[in-house]
Amino acid sequence: MTGMADGGRMRTRLRALDWFNFLVANVQTGFGAFVAVHLTAAAWTQGQIGLALSVGTMAAIASQVPAGALVDALPSKRLAAQIACVAIAASALLIGA
Protein backbone atom coordinates (compact mmCIF):
# COMPACT_ATOMS: atom_id res chain seq x y z
CA MET A 1 0.00 0.00 0.00
CA THR A 2 2.83 2.42 0.69
CA GLY A 3 4.03 2.22 -2.92
CA MET A 4 0.59 3.22 -4.19
CA ALA A 5 0.40 6.21 -1.84
CA ASP A 6 3.89 7.36 -2.82
CA GLY A 7 3.01 7.06 -6.51
CA GLY A 8 -0.13 9.16 -6.00
CA ARG A 9 1.81 11.84 -4.16
CA MET A 10 4.44 11.88 -6.88
CA ARG A 11 1.78 12.30 -9.59
CA THR A 12 0.23 15.15 -7.62
CA ARG A 13 3.60 16.87 -7.24
CA LEU A 14 4.42 16.43 -10.91
CA ARG A 15 1.01 17.80 -11.92
CA ALA A 16 1.59 20.82 -9.66
CA LEU A 17 5.02 21.32 -11.26
CA ASP A 18 3.46 21.13 -14.73
CA TRP A 19 0.94 23.84 -13.81
CA PHE A 20 3.65 25.98 -12.24
CA ASN A 21 5.77 25.75 -15.42
CA PHE A 22 2.75 26.50 -17.61
CA LEU A 23 1.77 29.60 -15.64
CA VAL A 24 5.31 30.97 -15.35
CA ALA A 25 5.88 30.50 -19.09
CA ASN A 26 2.60 32.30 -19.75
CA VAL A 27 3.71 35.26 -17.65
CA GLN A 28 7.13 35.38 -19.28
CA THR A 29 5.62 35.28 -22.77
CA GLY A 30 3.33 38.19 -21.96
CA PHE A 31 6.22 40.43 -20.92
CA GLY A 32 7.32 41.08 -24.50
CA ALA A 33 4.10 42.86 -25.40
CA PHE A 34 4.22 45.05 -22.30
CA VAL A 35 7.86 45.93 -22.88
CA ALA A 36 7.10 46.84 -26.49
CA VAL A 37 4.25 49.14 -25.44
CA HIS A 38 6.38 50.72 -22.72
CA LEU A 39 9.25 51.37 -25.13
CA THR A 40 6.86 52.74 -27.75
CA ALA A 41 5.58 55.21 -25.16
CA ALA A 42 9.20 56.19 -24.53
CA ALA A 43 9.56 57.08 -28.24
CA TRP A 44 11.68 54.08 -29.26
CA THR A 45 11.54 53.09 -32.94
CA GLN A 46 10.31 49.68 -34.07
CA GLY A 47 13.86 48.67 -34.96
CA GLN A 48 15.18 49.62 -31.53
CA ILE A 49 12.34 47.74 -29.81
CA GLY A 50 12.94 44.67 -31.96
CA LEU A 51 16.64 44.77 -31.16
CA ALA A 52 15.98 45.13 -27.43
CA LEU A 53 13.54 42.21 -27.42
CA SER A 54 15.93 40.10 -29.51
CA VAL A 55 18.84 40.77 -27.17
CA GLY A 56 16.66 39.83 -24.21
CA THR A 57 15.58 36.60 -25.91
CA MET A 58 19.18 35.68 -26.80
CA ALA A 59 20.29 36.36 -23.23
CA ALA A 60 17.50 34.13 -21.92
CA ILE A 61 18.48 31.34 -24.31
CA ALA A 62 22.18 31.63 -23.44
CA SER A 63 21.48 31.54 -19.70
CA GLN A 64 19.23 28.47 -19.71
CA VAL A 65 21.99 25.86 -19.51
CA PRO A 66 24.05 27.58 -16.77
CA ALA A 67 20.90 28.44 -14.81
CA GLY A 68 19.66 24.86 -15.15
CA ALA A 69 22.98 23.56 -13.86
CA LEU A 70 22.78 25.97 -10.93
CA VAL A 71 19.25 24.87 -10.05
CA ASP A 72 20.27 21.20 -10.33
CA ALA A 73 23.10 21.85 -7.87
CA LEU A 74 20.86 23.60 -5.32
CA PRO A 75 19.46 21.49 -2.49
CA SER A 76 16.17 23.45 -2.40
CA LYS A 77 14.50 23.59 -5.80
CA ARG A 78 11.39 25.10 -4.26
CA LEU A 79 13.39 28.06 -2.91
CA ALA A 80 14.88 28.60 -6.37
CA ALA A 81 11.37 28.66 -7.87
CA GLN A 82 10.20 31.13 -5.24
CA ILE A 83 13.15 33.42 -5.90
CA ALA A 84 12.43 33.27 -9.64
CA CYS A 85 8.77 34.21 -9.04
CA VAL A 86 9.81 37.15 -6.87
CA ALA A 87 12.21 38.29 -9.62
CA ILE A 88 9.41 38.11 -12.21
CA ALA A 89 7.09 40.10 -9.94
CA ALA A 90 9.80 42.69 -9.27
CA SER A 91 10.38 43.03 -13.03
CA ALA A 92 6.68 43.63 -13.59
CA LEU A 93 6.61 46.27 -10.86
CA LEU A 94 9.67 48.01 -12.30
CA ILE A 95 8.10 48.11 -15.76
CA GLY A 96 4.91 49.50 -14.25
CA ALA A 97 6.78 52.15 -12.31
PDB file of N, CA and C in Angstrom:
ATOM      1  N   MET A   1       0.813  -1.204   0.000  1.00  0.00           N
ATOM      2  CA  MET A   1       0.000   0.000   0.000  1.00  0.00           C
ATOM      3  C   MET A   1       0.854   1.266   0.000  1.00  0.00           C
ATOM      4  N   THR A   2       2.006   1.221   0.625  1.00  0.00           N
ATOM      5  CA  THR A   2       2.832   2.418   0.695  1.00  0.00           C
ATOM      6  C   THR A   2       3.282   2.854  -0.690  1.00  0.00           C
ATOM      7  N   GLY A   3       3.601   1.891  -1.558  1.00  0.00           N
ATOM      8  CA  GLY A   3       4.027   2.223  -2.918  1.00  0.00           C
ATOM      9  C   GLY A   3       2.947   2.955  -3.688  1.00  0.00           C
ATOM     10  N   MET A   4       1.707   2.568  -3.498  1.00  0.00           N
ATOM     11  CA  MET A   4       0.594   3.221  -4.189  1.00  0.00           C
ATOM     12  C   MET A   4       0.431   4.662  -3.701  1.00  0.00           C
ATOM     13  N   ALA A   5       0.547   4.858  -2.398  1.00  0.00           N
ATOM     14  CA  ALA A   5       0.401   6.208  -1.835  1.00  0.00           C
ATOM     15  C   ALA A   5       1.533   7.110  -2.311  1.00  0.00           C
ATOM     16  N   ASP A   6       2.754   6.573  -2.352  1.00  0.00           N
ATOM     17  CA  ASP A   6       3.892   7.362  -2.824  1.00  0.00           C
ATOM     18  C   ASP A   6       3.735   7.725  -4.293  1.00  0.00           C
ATOM     19  N   GLY A   7       3.225   6.793  -5.091  1.00  0.00           N
ATOM     20  CA  GLY A   7       3.013   7.060  -6.513  1.00  0.00           C
ATOM     21  C   GLY A   7       1.966   8.147  -6.717  1.00  0.00           C
ATOM     22  N   GLY A   8       0.904   8.128  -5.898  1.00  0.00           N
ATOM     23  CA  GLY A   8      -0.134   9.156  -5.996  1.00  0.00           C
ATOM     24  C   GLY A   8       0.391  10.519  -5.612  1.00  0.00           C
ATOM     25  N   ARG A   9       1.212  10.562  -4.566  1.00  0.00           N
ATOM     26  CA  ARG A   9       1.808  11.841  -4.159  1.00  0.00           C
ATOM     27  C   ARG A   9       2.753  12.371  -5.229  1.00  0.00           C
ATOM     28  N   MET A  10       3.501  11.463  -5.835  1.00  0.00           N
ATOM     29  CA  MET A  10       4.441  11.882  -6.876  1.00  0.00           C
ATOM     30  C   MET A  10       3.682  12.436  -8.081  1.00  0.00           C
ATOM     31  N   ARG A  11       2.585  11.791  -8.469  1.00  0.00           N
ATOM     32  CA  ARG A  11       1.785  12.299  -9.587  1.00  0.00           C
ATOM     33  C   ARG A  11       1.215  13.676  -9.265  1.00  0.00           C
ATOM     34  N   THR A  12       0.770  13.850  -8.038  1.00  0.00           N
ATOM     35  CA  THR A  12       0.229  15.149  -7.620  1.00  0.00           C
ATOM     36  C   THR A  12       1.309  16.222  -7.678  1.00  0.00           C
ATOM     37  N   ARG A  13       2.496  15.898  -7.212  1.00  0.00           N
ATOM     38  CA  ARG A  13       3.597  16.867  -7.243  1.00  0.00           C
ATOM     39  C   ARG A  13       3.997  17.206  -8.665  1.00  0.00           C
ATOM     40  N   LEU A  14       4.052  16.179  -9.525  1.00  0.00           N
ATOM     41  CA  LEU A  14       4.418  16.430 -10.915  1.00  0.00           C
ATOM     42  C   LEU A  14       3.349  17.252 -11.625  1.00  0.00           C
ATOM     43  N   ARG A  15       2.087  16.998 -11.316  1.00  0.00           N
ATOM     44  CA  ARG A  15       1.012  17.797 -11.920  1.00  0.00           C
ATOM     45  C   ARG A  15       1.121  19.253 -11.453  1.00  0.00           C
ATOM     46  N   ALA A  16       1.416  19.456 -10.181  1.00  0.00           N
ATOM     47  CA  ALA A  16       1.588  20.822  -9.665  1.00  0.00           C
ATOM     48  C   ALA A  16       2.773  21.504 -10.348  1.00  0.00           C
ATOM     49  N   LEU A  17       3.853  20.766 -10.565  1.00  0.00           N
ATOM     50  CA  LEU A  17       5.020  21.319 -11.255  1.00  0.00           C
ATOM     51  C   LEU A  17       4.678  21.668 -12.703  1.00  0.00           C
ATOM     52  N   ASP A  18       3.894  20.823 -13.359  1.00  0.00           N
ATOM     53  CA  ASP A  18       3.458  21.127 -14.725  1.00  0.00           C
ATOM     54  C   ASP A  18       2.671  22.430 -14.777  1.00  0.00           C
ATOM     55  N   TRP A  19       1.736  22.609 -13.858  1.00  0.00           N
ATOM     56  CA  TRP A  19       0.939  23.843 -13.813  1.00  0.00           C
ATOM     57  C   TRP A  19       1.811  25.049 -13.501  1.00  0.00           C
ATOM     58  N   PHE A  20       2.737  24.882 -12.577  1.00  0.00           N
ATOM     59  CA  PHE A  20       3.649  25.981 -12.241  1.00  0.00           C
ATOM     60  C   PHE A  20       4.437  26.401 -13.477  1.00  0.00           C
ATOM     61  N   ASN A  21       5.011  25.437 -14.206  1.00  0.00           N
ATOM     62  CA  ASN A  21       5.774  25.746 -15.418  1.00  0.00           C
ATOM     63  C   ASN A  21       4.901  26.416 -16.468  1.00  0.00           C
ATOM     64  N   PHE A  22       3.672  25.931 -16.630  1.00  0.00           N
ATOM     65  CA  PHE A  22       2.753  26.505 -17.606  1.00  0.00           C
ATOM     66  C   PHE A  22       2.447  27.967 -17.275  1.00  0.00           C
ATOM     67  N   LEU A  23       2.144  28.242 -16.021  1.00  0.00           N
ATOM     68  CA  LEU A  23       1.770  29.596 -15.635  1.00  0.00           C
ATOM     69  C   LEU A  23       2.950  30.561 -15.686  1.00  0.00           C
ATOM     70  N   VAL A  24       4.129  30.100 -15.288  1.00  0.00           N
ATOM     71  CA  VAL A  24       5.310  30.971 -15.350  1.00  0.00           C
ATOM     72  C   VAL A  24       5.661  31.270 -16.803  1.00  0.00           C
ATOM     73  N   ALA A  25       5.596  30.268 -17.672  1.00  0.00           N
ATOM     74  CA  ALA A  25       5.882  30.496 -19.089  1.00  0.00           C
ATOM     75  C   ALA A  25       4.878  31.470 -19.686  1.00  0.00           C
ATOM     76  N   ASN A  26       3.630  31.378 -19.269  1.00  0.00           N
ATOM     77  CA  ASN A  26       2.599  32.296 -19.751  1.00  0.00           C
ATOM     78  C   ASN A  26       2.925  33.733 -19.349  1.00  0.00           C
ATOM     79  N   VAL A  27       3.356  33.916 -18.127  1.00  0.00           N
ATOM     80  CA  VAL A  27       3.709  35.261 -17.647  1.00  0.00           C
ATOM     81  C   VAL A  27       4.921  35.787 -18.411  1.00  0.00           C
ATOM     82  N   GLN A  28       5.920  34.946 -18.585  1.00  0.00           N
ATOM     83  CA  GLN A  28       7.128  35.384 -19.284  1.00  0.00           C
ATOM     84  C   GLN A  28       6.846  35.743 -20.731  1.00  0.00           C
ATOM     85  N   THR A  29       5.962  34.997 -21.379  1.00  0.00           N
ATOM     86  CA  THR A  29       5.619  35.277 -22.767  1.00  0.00           C
ATOM     87  C   THR A  29       4.903  36.619 -22.888  1.00  0.00           C
ATOM     88  N   GLY A  30       4.078  36.937 -21.919  1.00  0.00           N
ATOM     89  CA  GLY A  30       3.331  38.189 -21.955  1.00  0.00           C
ATOM     90  C   GLY A  30       4.182  39.425 -21.734  1.00  0.00           C
ATOM     91  N   PHE A  31       5.373  39.273 -21.193  1.00  0.00           N
ATOM     92  CA  PHE A  31       6.225  40.429 -20.916  1.00  0.00           C
ATOM     93  C   PHE A  31       6.631  41.168 -22.188  1.00  0.00           C
ATOM     94  N   GLY A  32       6.865  40.444 -23.269  1.00  0.00           N
ATOM     95  CA  GLY A  32       7.323  41.076 -24.505  1.00  0.00           C
ATOM     96  C   GLY A  32       6.376  42.153 -24.991  1.00  0.00           C
ATOM     97  N   ALA A  33       5.084  41.873 -24.938  1.00  0.00           N
ATOM     98  CA  ALA A  33       4.100  42.857 -25.398  1.00  0.00           C
ATOM     99  C   ALA A  33       4.107  44.103 -24.509  1.00  0.00           C
ATOM    100  N   PHE A  34       4.199  43.906 -23.214  1.00  0.00           N
ATOM    101  CA  PHE A  34       4.220  45.048 -22.300  1.00  0.00           C
ATOM    102  C   PHE A  34       5.494  45.876 -22.465  1.00  0.00           C
ATOM    103  N   VAL A  35       6.601  45.207 -22.665  1.00  0.00           N
ATOM    104  CA  VAL A  35       7.861  45.929 -22.876  1.00  0.00           C
ATOM    105  C   VAL A  35       7.783  46.733 -24.173  1.00  0.00           C
ATOM    106  N   ALA A  36       7.221  46.136 -25.217  1.00  0.00           N
ATOM    107  CA  ALA A  36       7.100  46.842 -26.493  1.00  0.00           C
ATOM    108  C   ALA A  36       6.229  48.089 -26.355  1.00  0.00           C
ATOM    109  N   VAL A  37       5.128  47.973 -25.639  1.00  0.00           N
ATOM    110  CA  VAL A  37       4.248  49.136 -25.439  1.00  0.00           C
ATOM    111  C   VAL A  37       4.962  50.204 -24.617  1.00  0.00           C
ATOM    112  N   HIS A  38       5.657  49.777 -23.571  1.00  0.00           N
ATOM    113  CA  HIS A  38       6.379  50.719 -22.718  1.00  0.00           C
ATOM    114  C   HIS A  38       7.452  51.459 -23.519  1.00  0.00           C
ATOM    115  N   LEU A  39       8.194  50.731 -24.346  1.00  0.00           N
ATOM    116  CA  LEU A  39       9.248  51.367 -25.133  1.00  0.00           C
ATOM    117  C   LEU A  39       8.673  52.260 -26.219  1.00  0.00           C
ATOM    118  N   THR A  40       7.522  51.878 -26.770  1.00  0.00           N
ATOM    119  CA  THR A  40       6.858  52.740 -27.752  1.00  0.00           C
ATOM    120  C   THR A  40       6.463  54.064 -27.102  1.00  0.00           C
ATOM    121  N   ALA A  41       5.952  53.993 -25.887  1.00  0.00           N
ATOM    122  CA  ALA A  41       5.577  55.212 -25.164  1.00  0.00           C
ATOM    123  C   ALA A  41       6.797  56.075 -24.858  1.00  0.00           C
ATOM    124  N   ALA A  42       7.969  55.445 -24.779  1.00  0.00           N
ATOM    125  CA  ALA A  42       9.205  56.191 -24.527  1.00  0.00           C
ATOM    126  C   ALA A  42       9.862  56.656 -25.822  1.00  0.00           C
ATOM    127  N   ALA A  43       9.118  56.587 -26.933  1.00  0.00           N
ATOM    128  CA  ALA A  43       9.555  57.080 -28.242  1.00  0.00           C
ATOM    129  C   ALA A  43      10.684  56.254 -28.868  1.00  0.00           C
ATOM    130  N   TRP A  44      10.725  54.954 -28.597  1.00  0.00           N
ATOM    131  CA  TRP A  44      11.685  54.077 -29.265  1.00  0.00           C
ATOM    132  C   TRP A  44      11.119  53.722 -30.633  1.00  0.00           C
ATOM    133  N   THR A  45      11.990  53.508 -31.609  1.00  0.00           N
ATOM    134  CA  THR A  45      11.545  53.090 -32.937  1.00  0.00           C
ATOM    135  C   THR A  45      11.285  51.584 -32.930  1.00  0.00           C
ATOM    136  N   GLN A  46      10.593  51.108 -33.979  1.00  0.00           N
ATOM    137  CA  GLN A  46      10.310  49.678 -34.067  1.00  0.00           C
ATOM    138  C   GLN A  46      11.589  48.860 -34.145  1.00  0.00           C
ATOM    139  N   GLY A  47      12.582  49.378 -34.859  1.00  0.00           N
ATOM    140  CA  GLY A  47      13.857  48.674 -34.963  1.00  0.00           C
ATOM    141  C   GLY A  47      14.562  48.560 -33.619  1.00  0.00           C
ATOM    142  N   GLN A  48      14.542  49.646 -32.851  1.00  0.00           N
ATOM    143  CA  GLN A  48      15.177  49.622 -31.528  1.00  0.00           C
ATOM    144  C   GLN A  48      14.449  48.652 -30.589  1.00  0.00           C
ATOM    145  N   ILE A  49      13.123  48.652 -30.657  1.00  0.00           N
ATOM    146  CA  ILE A  49      12.339  47.742 -29.812  1.00  0.00           C
ATOM    147  C   ILE A  49      12.616  46.298 -30.202  1.00  0.00           C
ATOM    148  N   GLY A  50      12.638  46.026 -31.493  1.00  0.00           N
ATOM    149  CA  GLY A  50      12.938  44.667 -31.961  1.00  0.00           C
ATOM    150  C   GLY A  50      14.316  44.213 -31.520  1.00  0.00           C
ATOM    151  N   LEU A  51      15.285  45.112 -31.596  1.00  0.00           N
ATOM    152  CA  LEU A  51      16.641  44.769 -31.162  1.00  0.00           C
ATOM    153  C   LEU A  51      16.680  44.492 -29.660  1.00  0.00           C
ATOM    154  N   ALA A  52      16.002  45.321 -28.879  1.00  0.00           N
ATOM    155  CA  ALA A  52      15.982  45.125 -27.426  1.00  0.00           C
ATOM    156  C   ALA A  52      15.334  43.792 -27.063  1.00  0.00           C
ATOM    157  N   LEU A  53      14.212  43.477 -27.706  1.00  0.00           N
ATOM    158  CA  LEU A  53      13.545  42.209 -27.421  1.00  0.00           C
ATOM    159  C   LEU A  53      14.381  41.025 -27.884  1.00  0.00           C
ATOM    160  N   SER A  54      15.069  41.182 -29.012  1.00  0.00           N
ATOM    161  CA  SER A  54      15.928  40.103 -29.511  1.00  0.00           C
ATOM    162  C   SER A  54      17.110  39.853 -28.586  1.00  0.00           C
ATOM    163  N   VAL A  55      17.714  40.925 -28.107  1.00  0.00           N
ATOM    164  CA  VAL A  55      18.839  40.774 -27.174  1.00  0.00           C
ATOM    165  C   VAL A  55      18.373  40.088 -25.895  1.00  0.00           C
ATOM    166  N   GLY A  56      17.203  40.473 -25.409  1.00  0.00           N
ATOM    167  CA  GLY A  56      16.657  39.829 -24.215  1.00  0.00           C
ATOM    168  C   GLY A  56      16.379  38.352 -24.430  1.00  0.00           C
ATOM    169  N   THR A  57      15.852  38.002 -25.597  1.00  0.00           N
ATOM    170  CA  THR A  57      15.580  36.602 -25.911  1.00  0.00           C
ATOM    171  C   THR A  57      16.879  35.811 -26.015  1.00  0.00           C
ATOM    172  N   MET A  58      17.879  36.371 -26.674  1.00  0.00           N
ATOM    173  CA  MET A  58      19.177  35.681 -26.799  1.00  0.00           C
ATOM    174  C   MET A  58      19.834  35.495 -25.430  1.00  0.00           C
ATOM    175  N   ALA A  59      19.726  36.498 -24.573  1.00  0.00           N
ATOM    176  CA  ALA A  59      20.289  36.364 -23.226  1.00  0.00           C
ATOM    177  C   ALA A  59      19.578  35.266 -22.450  1.00  0.00           C
ATOM    178  N   ALA A  60      18.264  35.184 -22.602  1.00  0.00           N
ATOM    179  CA  ALA A  60      17.504  34.131 -21.925  1.00  0.00           C
ATOM    180  C   ALA A  60      17.906  32.753 -22.433  1.00  0.00           C
ATOM    181  N   ILE A  61      18.075  32.625 -23.731  1.00  0.00           N
ATOM    182  CA  ILE A  61      18.480  31.338 -24.306  1.00  0.00           C
ATOM    183  C   ILE A  61      19.881  30.962 -23.828  1.00  0.00           C
ATOM    184  N   ALA A  62      20.795  31.911 -23.843  1.00  0.00           N
ATOM    185  CA  ALA A  62      22.176  31.633 -23.441  1.00  0.00           C
ATOM    186  C   ALA A  62      22.290  31.284 -21.960  1.00  0.00           C
ATOM    187  N   SER A  63      21.381  31.791 -21.148  1.00  0.00           N
ATOM    188  CA  SER A  63      21.482  31.544 -19.705  1.00  0.00           C
ATOM    189  C   SER A  63      20.734  30.286 -19.249  1.00  0.00           C
ATOM    190  N   GLN A  64      20.010  29.632 -20.133  1.00  0.00           N
ATOM    191  CA  GLN A  64      19.227  28.471 -19.709  1.00  0.00           C
ATOM    192  C   GLN A  64      20.091  27.321 -19.216  1.00  0.00           C
ATOM    193  N   VAL A  65      21.156  26.993 -19.934  1.00  0.00           N
ATOM    194  CA  VAL A  65      21.995  25.864 -19.513  1.00  0.00           C
ATOM    195  C   VAL A  65      22.724  26.164 -18.200  1.00  0.00           C
ATOM    196  N   PRO A  66      23.400  27.315 -18.062  1.00  0.00           N
ATOM    197  CA  PRO A  66      24.052  27.580 -16.774  1.00  0.00           C
ATOM    198  C   PRO A  66      23.052  27.693 -15.624  1.00  0.00           C
ATOM    199  N   ALA A  67      21.901  28.315 -15.875  1.00  0.00           N
ATOM    200  CA  ALA A  67      20.898  28.440 -14.811  1.00  0.00           C
ATOM    201  C   ALA A  67      20.334  27.069 -14.444  1.00  0.00           C
ATOM    202  N   GLY A  68      20.131  26.214 -15.434  1.00  0.00           N
ATOM    203  CA  GLY A  68      19.661  24.860 -15.154  1.00  0.00           C
ATOM    204  C   GLY A  68      20.663  24.077 -14.327  1.00  0.00           C
ATOM    205  N   ALA A  69      21.944  24.228 -14.636  1.00  0.00           N
ATOM    206  CA  ALA A  69      22.984  23.556 -13.860  1.00  0.00           C
ATOM    207  C   ALA A  69      23.012  24.079 -12.421  1.00  0.00           C
ATOM    208  N   LEU A  70      22.812  25.382 -12.272  1.00  0.00           N
ATOM    209  CA  LEU A  70      22.780  25.972 -10.930  1.00  0.00           C
ATOM    210  C   LEU A  70      21.600  25.424 -10.131  1.00  0.00           C
ATOM    211  N   VAL A  71      20.438  25.379 -10.752  1.00  0.00           N
ATOM    212  CA  VAL A  71      19.255  24.872 -10.055  1.00  0.00           C
ATOM    213  C   VAL A  71      19.439  23.393  -9.706  1.00  0.00           C
ATOM    214  N   ASP A  72      20.026  22.617 -10.614  1.00  0.00           N
ATOM    215  CA  ASP A  72      20.274  21.200 -10.327  1.00  0.00           C
ATOM    216  C   ASP A  72      21.213  21.025  -9.145  1.00  0.00           C
ATOM    217  N   ALA A  73      22.139  21.953  -8.966  1.00  0.00           N
ATOM    218  CA  ALA A  73      23.099  21.846  -7.868  1.00  0.00           C
ATOM    219  C   ALA A  73      22.523  22.320  -6.531  1.00  0.00           C
ATOM    220  N   LEU A  74      21.448  23.078  -6.555  1.00  0.00           N
ATOM    221  CA  LEU A  74      20.860  23.596  -5.318  1.00  0.00           C
ATOM    222  C   LEU A  74      20.106  22.501  -4.570  1.00  0.00           C
ATOM    223  N   PRO A  75      20.205  22.493  -3.258  1.00  0.00           N
ATOM    224  CA  PRO A  75      19.459  21.488  -2.495  1.00  0.00           C
ATOM    225  C   PRO A  75      17.965  21.796  -2.422  1.00  0.00           C
ATOM    226  N   SER A  76      17.575  23.063  -2.526  1.00  0.00           N
ATOM    227  CA  SER A  76      16.169  23.447  -2.396  1.00  0.00           C
ATOM    228  C   SER A  76      15.656  24.015  -3.719  1.00  0.00           C
ATOM    229  N   LYS A  77      15.058  23.152  -4.515  1.00  0.00           N
ATOM    230  CA  LYS A  77      14.504  23.587  -5.799  1.00  0.00           C
ATOM    231  C   LYS A  77      13.315  24.522  -5.587  1.00  0.00           C
ATOM    232  N   ARG A  78      12.555  24.267  -4.543  1.00  0.00           N
ATOM    233  CA  ARG A  78      11.387  25.102  -4.256  1.00  0.00           C
ATOM    234  C   ARG A  78      11.811  26.533  -3.956  1.00  0.00           C
ATOM    235  N   LEU A  79      12.888  26.714  -3.205  1.00  0.00           N
ATOM    236  CA  LEU A  79      13.393  28.055  -2.909  1.00  0.00           C
ATOM    237  C   LEU A  79      13.829  28.758  -4.198  1.00  0.00           C
ATOM    238  N   ALA A  80      14.464  28.017  -5.094  1.00  0.00           N
ATOM    239  CA  ALA A  80      14.878  28.603  -6.371  1.00  0.00           C
ATOM    240  C   ALA A  80      13.664  29.067  -7.172  1.00  0.00           C
ATOM    241  N   ALA A  81      12.599  28.275  -7.165  1.00  0.00           N
ATOM    242  CA  ALA A  81      11.373  28.658  -7.874  1.00  0.00           C
ATOM    243  C   ALA A  81      10.744  29.892  -7.238  1.00  0.00           C
ATOM    244  N   GLN A  82      10.766  29.967  -5.925  1.00  0.00           N
ATOM    245  CA  GLN A  82      10.200  31.127  -5.237  1.00  0.00           C
ATOM    246  C   GLN A  82      10.995  32.391  -5.548  1.00  0.00           C
ATOM    247  N   ILE A  83      12.302  32.274  -5.570  1.00  0.00           N
ATOM    248  CA  ILE A  83      13.152  33.423  -5.898  1.00  0.00           C
ATOM    249  C   ILE A  83      12.884  33.875  -7.330  1.00  0.00           C
ATOM    250  N   ALA A  84      12.720  32.927  -8.251  1.00  0.00           N
ATOM    251  CA  ALA A  84      12.425  33.270  -9.643  1.00  0.00           C
ATOM    252  C   ALA A  84      11.089  34.001  -9.751  1.00  0.00           C
ATOM    253  N   CYS A  85      10.084  33.545  -9.001  1.00  0.00           N
ATOM    254  CA  CYS A  85       8.771  34.214  -9.037  1.00  0.00           C
ATOM    255  C   CYS A  85       8.858  35.627  -8.475  1.00  0.00           C
ATOM    256  N   VAL A  86       9.631  35.811  -7.434  1.00  0.00           N
ATOM    257  CA  VAL A  86       9.815  37.148  -6.871  1.00  0.00           C
ATOM    258  C   VAL A  86      10.524  38.052  -7.887  1.00  0.00           C
ATOM    259  N   ALA A  87      11.500  37.499  -8.604  1.00  0.00           N
ATOM    260  CA  ALA A  87      12.208  38.285  -9.619  1.00  0.00           C
ATOM    261  C   ALA A  87      11.268  38.691 -10.749  1.00  0.00           C
ATOM    262  N   ILE A  88      10.380  37.783 -11.161  1.00  0.00           N
ATOM    263  CA  ILE A  88       9.408  38.110 -12.211  1.00  0.00           C
ATOM    264  C   ILE A  88       8.467  39.208 -11.726  1.00  0.00           C
ATOM    265  N   ALA A  89       7.993  39.088 -10.489  1.00  0.00           N
ATOM    266  CA  ALA A  89       7.091  40.103  -9.941  1.00  0.00           C
ATOM    267  C   ALA A  89       7.796  41.455  -9.819  1.00  0.00           C
ATOM    268  N   ALA A  90       9.047  41.441  -9.383  1.00  0.00           N
ATOM    269  CA  ALA A  90       9.804  42.691  -9.272  1.00  0.00           C
ATOM    270  C   ALA A  90       9.996  43.318 -10.646  1.00  0.00           C
ATOM    271  N   SER A  91      10.239  42.506 -11.660  1.00  0.00           N
ATOM    272  CA  SER A  91      10.381  43.025 -13.025  1.00  0.00           C
ATOM    273  C   SER A  91       9.085  43.704 -13.475  1.00  0.00           C
ATOM    274  N   ALA A  92       7.976  43.053 -13.203  1.00  0.00           N
ATOM    275  CA  ALA A  92       6.682  43.633 -13.588  1.00  0.00           C
ATOM    276  C   ALA A  92       6.445  44.956 -12.882  1.00  0.00           C
ATOM    277  N   LEU A  93       6.784  45.023 -11.610  1.00  0.00           N
ATOM    278  CA  LEU A  93       6.606  46.269 -10.859  1.00  0.00           C
ATOM    279  C   LEU A  93       7.524  47.374 -11.392  1.00  0.00           C
ATOM    280  N   LEU A  94       8.737  47.016 -11.754  1.00  0.00           N
ATOM    281  CA  LEU A  94       9.666  48.012 -12.299  1.00  0.00           C
ATOM    282  C   LEU A  94       9.179  48.537 -13.643  1.00  0.00           C
ATOM    283  N   ILE A  95       8.627  47.657 -14.467  1.00  0.00           N
ATOM    284  CA  ILE A  95       8.104  48.109 -15.758  1.00  0.00           C
ATOM    285  C   ILE A  95       6.919  49.034 -15.523  1.00  0.00           C
ATOM    286  N   GLY A  96       6.078  48.677 -14.564  1.00  0.00           N
ATOM    287  CA  GLY A  96       4.907  49.504 -14.252  1.00  0.00           C
ATOM    288  C   GLY A  96       5.263  50.857 -13.658  1.00  0.00           C
ATOM    289  N   ALA A  97       6.359  50.895 -12.927  1.00  0.00           N
ATOM    290  CA  ALA A  97       6.780  52.147 -12.305  1.00  0.00           C
ATOM    291  C   ALA A  97       7.480  52.965 -13.323  1.00  0.00           C
TER     292      ALA A  97
END
